[in-house]
Amino acid sequence: MLDGAKTGRAPEKAGRAPDKTPEKTGGAPEKIVLEHEFYCRARRRKVTYAKCLDDYVDANAFGQKRSACWRCPQGRGHREAYARG
């Protein structure tokens, strides 16, 4: 087993996976609760997951392809997580 001195990296703790929480990876949480809030980078404020989904649906329905909600990768991750259940 290599130690940190030989590789230049800190040694991994045995039996522990790296922290991959949504906050650390920038992704969506495993289970979406529509009433919970998150910080929307496109709008630079906190919004609920329900508001995020509604704004995307409105942009899609009304053909607002220039909308920040339409192109938002953060919102896309939330929509995919919501679809997975």
N, C-alpha and C. Protein backbone atom coordinates (compact mmCIF):
# COMPACT_ATOMS: atom_id res chain seq x y z
N MET A 1 0.85 -1.18 0.00
CA MET A 1 0.00 0.00 0.00
C MET A 1 0.89 1.24 0.00
N LEU A 2 0.57 2.21 -0.82
CA LEU A 2 1.37 3.42 -0.92
C LEU A 2 0.95 4.42 0.13
N ASP A 3 1.90 5.12 0.68
CA ASP A 3 1.55 6.15 1.64
C ASP A 3 1.67 7.52 0.98
N GLY A 4 1.22 8.56 1.68
CA GLY A 4 1.19 9.90 1.12
C GLY A 4 2.55 10.44 0.75
N ALA A 5 3.61 10.02 1.45
CA ALA A 5 4.94 10.54 1.18
C ALA A 5 5.44 10.10 -0.19
N LYS A 6 5.09 8.90 -0.60
CA LYS A 6 5.56 8.38 -1.89
C LYS A 6 4.75 8.91 -3.07
N THR A 7 3.47 9.13 -2.88
CA THR A 7 2.61 9.55 -3.99
C THR A 7 2.39 11.05 -4.05
N GLY A 8 2.66 11.75 -2.95
CA GLY A 8 2.40 13.18 -2.92
C GLY A 8 0.97 13.51 -2.58
N ARG A 9 0.16 12.49 -2.30
CA ARG A 9 -1.23 12.70 -1.93
C ARG A 9 -1.45 12.20 -0.51
N ALA A 10 -2.49 12.66 0.11
CA ALA A 10 -2.83 12.18 1.45
C ALA A 10 -3.35 10.75 1.35
N PRO A 11 -2.98 9.90 2.27
CA PRO A 11 -3.46 8.52 2.22
C PRO A 11 -4.96 8.44 2.44
N GLU A 12 -5.64 7.54 1.73
CA GLU A 12 -7.07 7.34 1.88
C GLU A 12 -7.35 6.61 3.18
N LYS A 13 -8.45 6.92 3.80
CA LYS A 13 -8.83 6.21 5.01
C LYS A 13 -9.42 4.87 4.61
N ALA A 14 -8.99 3.84 5.27
CA ALA A 14 -9.40 2.48 4.93
C ALA A 14 -10.91 2.31 5.12
N GLY A 15 -11.56 1.70 4.12
CA GLY A 15 -12.97 1.37 4.21
C GLY A 15 -13.90 2.55 4.08
N ARG A 16 -13.42 3.67 3.62
CA ARG A 16 -14.27 4.85 3.52
C ARG A 16 -14.23 5.39 2.09
N ALA A 17 -15.40 5.54 1.51
CA ALA A 17 -15.50 6.07 0.15
C ALA A 17 -15.33 7.59 0.19
N PRO A 18 -14.87 8.19 -0.90
CA PRO A 18 -14.76 9.64 -0.95
C PRO A 18 -16.14 10.29 -0.79
N ASP A 19 -16.16 11.48 -0.21
CA ASP A 19 -17.41 12.19 0.02
C ASP A 19 -17.98 12.67 -1.31
N LYS A 20 -19.13 12.15 -1.69
CA LYS A 20 -19.75 12.54 -2.95
C LYS A 20 -21.15 13.09 -2.71
N THR A 21 -21.30 13.93 -1.69
CA THR A 21 -22.58 14.54 -1.43
C THR A 21 -22.89 15.54 -2.54
N PRO A 22 -24.17 15.84 -2.77
CA PRO A 22 -24.52 16.78 -3.85
C PRO A 22 -23.84 18.14 -3.70
N GLU A 23 -23.67 18.60 -2.46
CA GLU A 23 -23.04 19.89 -2.25
C GLU A 23 -21.59 19.88 -2.68
N LYS A 24 -20.91 18.74 -2.52
CA LYS A 24 -19.50 18.64 -2.88
C LYS A 24 -19.32 18.44 -4.38
N THR A 25 -20.21 17.71 -5.02
CA THR A 25 -20.04 17.40 -6.44
C THR A 25 -20.78 18.37 -7.35
N GLY A 26 -21.69 19.19 -6.79
CA GLY A 26 -22.43 20.13 -7.61
C GLY A 26 -23.64 19.52 -8.27
N GLY A 27 -23.97 18.31 -7.99
CA GLY A 27 -25.11 17.64 -8.58
C GLY A 27 -26.36 17.80 -7.75
N ALA A 28 -27.40 17.13 -8.18
CA ALA A 28 -28.67 17.17 -7.49
C ALA A 28 -28.71 16.13 -6.39
N PRO A 29 -29.52 16.36 -5.35
CA PRO A 29 -29.65 15.35 -4.32
C PRO A 29 -30.33 14.09 -4.85
N GLU A 30 -30.20 12.99 -4.12
CA GLU A 30 -30.78 11.72 -4.55
C GLU A 30 -32.29 11.79 -4.65
N LYS A 31 -32.96 12.36 -3.66
CA LYS A 31 -34.41 12.44 -3.61
C LYS A 31 -34.81 13.90 -3.58
N ILE A 32 -35.65 14.32 -4.52
CA ILE A 32 -36.09 15.70 -4.60
C ILE A 32 -37.37 15.88 -3.81
N VAL A 33 -37.37 16.85 -2.90
CA VAL A 33 -38.58 17.26 -2.19
C VAL A 33 -38.90 18.66 -2.72
N LEU A 34 -40.04 18.80 -3.36
CA LEU A 34 -40.35 20.02 -4.10
C LEU A 34 -40.38 21.28 -3.23
N GLU A 35 -40.66 21.14 -1.95
CA GLU A 35 -40.75 22.31 -1.07
C GLU A 35 -39.39 22.78 -0.57
N HIS A 36 -38.36 21.98 -0.71
CA HIS A 36 -37.03 22.37 -0.24
C HIS A 36 -36.41 23.41 -1.18
N GLU A 37 -35.53 24.21 -0.62
CA GLU A 37 -34.86 25.25 -1.39
C GLU A 37 -33.42 24.87 -1.70
N PHE A 38 -32.89 25.47 -2.73
CA PHE A 38 -31.48 25.35 -3.08
C PHE A 38 -31.05 26.69 -3.65
N TYR A 39 -29.74 26.91 -3.72
CA TYR A 39 -29.22 28.15 -4.29
C TYR A 39 -29.10 27.99 -5.79
N CYS A 40 -29.87 28.77 -6.51
CA CYS A 40 -29.85 28.74 -7.98
C CYS A 40 -28.74 29.67 -8.47
N ARG A 41 -27.76 29.09 -9.15
CA ARG A 41 -26.64 29.90 -9.65
C ARG A 41 -27.07 30.83 -10.77
N ALA A 42 -28.03 30.42 -11.59
CA ALA A 42 -28.47 31.26 -12.71
C ALA A 42 -29.20 32.51 -12.20
N ARG A 43 -30.01 32.35 -11.17
CA ARG A 43 -30.77 33.48 -10.63
C ARG A 43 -30.09 34.17 -9.46
N ARG A 44 -29.05 33.52 -8.93
CA ARG A 44 -28.29 34.05 -7.80
C ARG A 44 -29.16 34.30 -6.58
N ARG A 45 -30.04 33.33 -6.29
CA ARG A 45 -30.87 33.38 -5.09
C ARG A 45 -31.42 32.00 -4.80
N LYS A 46 -32.01 31.86 -3.64
CA LYS A 46 -32.61 30.58 -3.27
C LYS A 46 -33.99 30.45 -3.90
N VAL A 47 -34.25 29.27 -4.47
CA VAL A 47 -35.56 28.96 -5.03
C VAL A 47 -35.92 27.53 -4.62
N THR A 48 -37.20 27.22 -4.66
CA THR A 48 -37.63 25.86 -4.36
C THR A 48 -37.47 25.00 -5.61
N TYR A 49 -37.42 23.71 -5.39
CA TYR A 49 -37.34 22.79 -6.53
C TYR A 49 -38.59 22.92 -7.39
N ALA A 50 -39.74 23.14 -6.76
CA ALA A 50 -40.99 23.30 -7.51
C ALA A 50 -40.92 24.51 -8.45
N LYS A 51 -40.38 25.62 -7.95
CA LYS A 51 -40.24 26.84 -8.77
C LYS A 51 -39.29 26.59 -9.95
N CYS A 52 -38.21 25.86 -9.69
CA CYS A 52 -37.25 25.53 -10.74
C CYS A 52 -37.94 24.72 -11.85
N LEU A 53 -38.66 23.69 -11.44
CA LEU A 53 -39.35 22.86 -12.43
C LEU A 53 -40.41 23.65 -13.18
N ASP A 54 -41.19 24.46 -12.46
CA ASP A 54 -42.24 25.27 -13.11
C ASP A 54 -41.66 26.24 -14.12
N ASP A 55 -40.57 26.90 -13.77
CA ASP A 55 -39.97 27.87 -14.69
C ASP A 55 -39.42 27.20 -15.94
N TYR A 56 -38.86 26.00 -15.78
CA TYR A 56 -38.39 25.27 -16.95
C TYR A 56 -39.56 24.86 -17.85
N VAL A 57 -40.62 24.37 -17.24
CA VAL A 57 -41.80 23.95 -18.02
C VAL A 57 -42.38 25.15 -18.76
N ASP A 58 -42.45 26.31 -18.10
CA ASP A 58 -42.95 27.52 -18.76
C ASP A 58 -42.06 27.92 -19.93
N ALA A 59 -40.76 27.89 -19.73
CA ALA A 59 -39.82 28.26 -20.81
C ALA A 59 -39.97 27.29 -21.98
N ASN A 60 -40.15 26.03 -21.69
CA ASN A 60 -40.31 25.02 -22.74
C ASN A 60 -41.65 25.20 -23.46
N ALA A 61 -42.72 25.40 -22.72
CA ALA A 61 -44.06 25.50 -23.30
C ALA A 61 -44.22 26.75 -24.17
N PHE A 62 -43.61 27.85 -23.74
CA PHE A 62 -43.76 29.10 -24.47
C PHE A 62 -42.61 29.38 -25.42
N GLY A 63 -41.74 28.41 -25.62
CA GLY A 63 -40.65 28.56 -26.58
C GLY A 63 -39.62 29.61 -26.22
N GLN A 64 -39.38 29.81 -24.94
CA GLN A 64 -38.42 30.81 -24.48
C GLN A 64 -37.04 30.18 -24.39
N LYS A 65 -36.47 29.89 -25.53
CA LYS A 65 -35.18 29.20 -25.58
C LYS A 65 -34.03 30.04 -25.06
N ARG A 66 -34.20 31.33 -24.95
CA ARG A 66 -33.15 32.20 -24.42
C ARG A 66 -33.22 32.34 -22.91
N SER A 67 -34.22 31.72 -22.31
CA SER A 67 -34.38 31.78 -20.86
C SER A 67 -33.23 31.07 -20.16
N ALA A 68 -32.81 31.63 -19.02
CA ALA A 68 -31.75 30.99 -18.24
C ALA A 68 -32.22 29.62 -17.74
N CYS A 69 -33.50 29.48 -17.46
CA CYS A 69 -34.03 28.20 -16.97
C CYS A 69 -33.97 27.12 -18.05
N TRP A 70 -34.12 27.49 -19.28
CA TRP A 70 -34.09 26.53 -20.38
C TRP A 70 -32.70 25.91 -20.54
N ARG A 71 -31.66 26.72 -20.37
CA ARG A 71 -30.28 26.28 -20.60
C ARG A 71 -29.54 25.87 -19.33
N CYS A 72 -30.20 25.87 -18.20
CA CYS A 72 -29.54 25.70 -16.91
C CYS A 72 -29.10 24.26 -16.64
N PRO A 73 -27.79 24.00 -16.53
CA PRO A 73 -27.33 22.63 -16.23
C PRO A 73 -27.65 22.21 -14.81
N GLN A 74 -27.72 23.16 -13.89
CA GLN A 74 -28.08 22.83 -12.51
C GLN A 74 -29.53 22.37 -12.46
N GLY A 75 -30.42 23.07 -13.13
CA GLY A 75 -31.82 22.68 -13.19
C GLY A 75 -32.02 21.36 -13.91
N ARG A 76 -31.20 21.11 -14.91
CA ARG A 76 -31.28 19.83 -15.62
C ARG A 76 -30.99 18.67 -14.67
N GLY A 77 -29.98 18.84 -13.83
CA GLY A 77 -29.66 17.80 -12.85
C GLY A 77 -30.81 17.57 -11.88
N HIS A 78 -31.48 18.66 -11.47
CA HIS A 78 -32.62 18.53 -10.57
C HIS A 78 -33.79 17.84 -11.25
N ARG A 79 -34.03 18.17 -12.52
CA ARG A 79 -35.13 17.53 -13.25
C ARG A 79 -34.87 16.04 -13.43
N GLU A 80 -33.63 15.67 -13.73
CA GLU A 80 -33.29 14.26 -13.88
C GLU A 80 -33.45 13.50 -12.57
N ALA A 81 -33.03 14.11 -11.47
CA ALA A 81 -33.17 13.47 -10.16
C ALA A 81 -34.65 13.32 -9.80
N TYR A 82 -35.45 14.32 -10.14
CA TYR A 82 -36.89 14.25 -9.86
C TYR A 82 -37.55 13.15 -10.70
N ALA A 83 -37.12 13.02 -11.93
CA ALA A 83 -37.68 11.98 -12.82
C ALA A 83 -37.31 10.57 -12.33
N ARG A 84 -36.13 10.42 -11.76
CA ARG A 84 -35.72 9.12 -11.22
C ARG A 84 -36.51 8.74 -9.98
N GLY A 85 -37.03 9.77 -9.29
CA GLY A 85 -37.86 9.50 -8.11
C GLY A 85 -37.11 9.51 -6.90
